[in-house]
């Protein structure tokens, strides 16, 4: 039997990344319903980029689960991109909730 790397982390990243994409899309749709101004424009674009990060993370974790080769590498990239997405989403929330912009 082959010694396949343990990719349990990918099993957690995949559903959570997909959930975060949904959260980003929901907030974008709420922002679209508000009167247009520069702050709402920036929130919209920042969350769209964040949604893209979470989508890439989900795809990499899926590849990590499905493929036998380069599993650990895909999982590490998925983890790093997921963390970047979480940090950027937190920064977006702090910046715009305290009206720093």
Protein backbone atom coordinates (compact mmCIF):
# COMPACT_ATOMS: atom_id res chain seq x y z
CA UNK A 1 0.00 0.00 0.00
CA UNK A 2 1.21 3.48 -0.90
CA UNK A 3 2.09 5.98 1.76
CA UNK A 4 -0.18 8.83 0.72
CA UNK A 5 0.33 12.15 2.53
CA UNK A 6 -2.37 13.03 5.04
CA UNK A 7 -4.46 15.80 3.49
CA UNK A 8 -7.01 16.25 6.26
CA UNK A 9 -6.38 19.97 6.21
CA UNK A 10 -7.72 20.13 2.65
CA UNK A 11 -10.95 18.54 3.86
CA UNK A 12 -11.38 21.57 6.13
CA UNK A 13 -10.17 24.24 3.73
CA UNK A 14 -12.49 23.22 0.88
CA UNK A 15 -15.87 23.74 2.60
CA UNK A 16 -14.69 26.78 4.53
CA UNK A 17 -13.31 28.46 1.41
CA UNK A 18 -16.57 27.83 -0.39
CA UNK A 19 -18.48 29.31 2.55
CA UNK A 20 -16.26 32.39 2.54
CA UNK A 21 -16.90 32.89 -1.19
CA UNK A 22 -20.61 32.90 -0.34
CA UNK A 23 -20.05 35.42 2.46
CA UNK A 24 -18.12 37.71 0.09
CA UNK A 25 -20.85 37.47 -2.55
CA UNK A 26 -23.55 38.20 0.03
CA UNK A 27 -21.76 41.31 1.31
CA UNK A 28 -21.10 42.47 -2.27
CA UNK A 29 -24.81 42.16 -3.04
CA UNK A 30 -25.68 44.15 0.10
CA UNK A 31 -23.17 46.87 -0.83
CA UNK A 32 -24.58 47.04 -4.38
CA UNK A 33 -27.96 47.96 -2.88
CA UNK A 34 -26.52 51.01 -1.10
CA UNK A 35 -26.12 54.45 -2.63
CA UNK A 36 -22.96 54.53 -4.80
CA UNK A 37 -19.92 56.29 -3.41
CA UNK A 38 -16.18 55.69 -3.25
CA UNK A 39 -16.29 53.65 -0.02
CA UNK A 40 -18.89 51.25 -1.38
CA UNK A 41 -16.93 51.00 -4.62
CA UNK A 42 -13.78 50.05 -2.67
CA UNK A 43 -15.62 47.52 -0.50
CA UNK A 44 -17.09 45.95 -3.62
CA UNK A 45 -13.73 45.59 -5.37
CA UNK A 46 -11.82 44.44 -2.28
CA UNK A 47 -14.36 41.71 -1.54
CA UNK A 48 -14.37 40.61 -5.18
CA UNK A 49 -10.61 40.07 -4.97
CA UNK A 50 -11.04 38.32 -1.62
CA UNK A 51 -13.67 36.06 -3.15
CA UNK A 52 -11.20 35.16 -5.88
CA UNK A 53 -8.59 34.22 -3.25
CA UNK A 54 -11.07 31.92 -1.50
CA UNK A 55 -12.05 30.34 -4.84
CA UNK A 56 -8.40 29.62 -5.67
CA UNK A 57 -7.93 28.16 -2.19
CA UNK A 58 -10.96 25.91 -2.65
CA UNK A 59 -9.73 24.72 -6.05
CA UNK A 60 -6.26 23.94 -4.70
CA UNK A 61 -7.65 22.04 -1.74
CA UNK A 62 -9.91 20.09 -4.10
CA UNK A 63 -6.91 19.21 -6.27
CA UNK A 64 -5.04 18.18 -3.14
CA UNK A 65 -7.81 15.75 -2.26
CA UNK A 66 -8.31 14.37 -5.77
CA UNK A 67 -4.78 14.09 -7.12
CA UNK A 68 -2.15 11.70 -5.86
CA UNK A 69 0.81 13.71 -7.13
CA UNK A 70 1.78 17.04 -5.59
CA UNK A 71 -0.90 16.64 -2.92
CA UNK A 72 1.13 18.26 -0.17
CA UNK A 73 2.17 21.17 -2.38
CA UNK A 74 -1.44 21.94 -3.37
CA UNK A 75 -2.51 21.68 0.26
CA UNK A 76 0.18 24.11 1.41
CA UNK A 77 -0.75 26.64 -1.28
CA UNK A 78 -4.44 26.26 -0.43
CA UNK A 79 -3.65 26.90 3.22
CA UNK A 80 -1.50 29.97 2.52
CA UNK A 81 -4.05 31.53 0.16
CA UNK A 82 -6.88 30.78 2.60
CA UNK A 83 -4.99 32.58 5.38
CA UNK A 84 -4.30 35.55 3.07
CA UNK A 85 -8.03 35.66 2.27
CA UNK A 86 -8.98 35.61 5.95
CA UNK A 87 -6.48 38.30 6.86
CA UNK A 88 -7.56 40.51 3.95
CA UNK A 89 -11.24 40.06 4.84
CA UNK A 90 -10.49 41.07 8.42
CA UNK A 91 -8.55 44.10 7.25
CA UNK A 92 -11.41 45.08 4.92
CA UNK A 93 -13.87 44.82 7.81
CA UNK A 94 -11.73 46.88 10.18
CA UNK A 95 -10.87 49.56 7.62
CA UNK A 96 -14.43 50.11 6.51
CA UNK A 97 -16.18 49.66 9.85
CA UNK A 98 -13.97 52.28 11.46
CA UNK A 99 -14.23 54.39 8.30
CA UNK A 100 -10.48 54.64 7.91
CA UNK A 101 -10.95 55.16 4.16
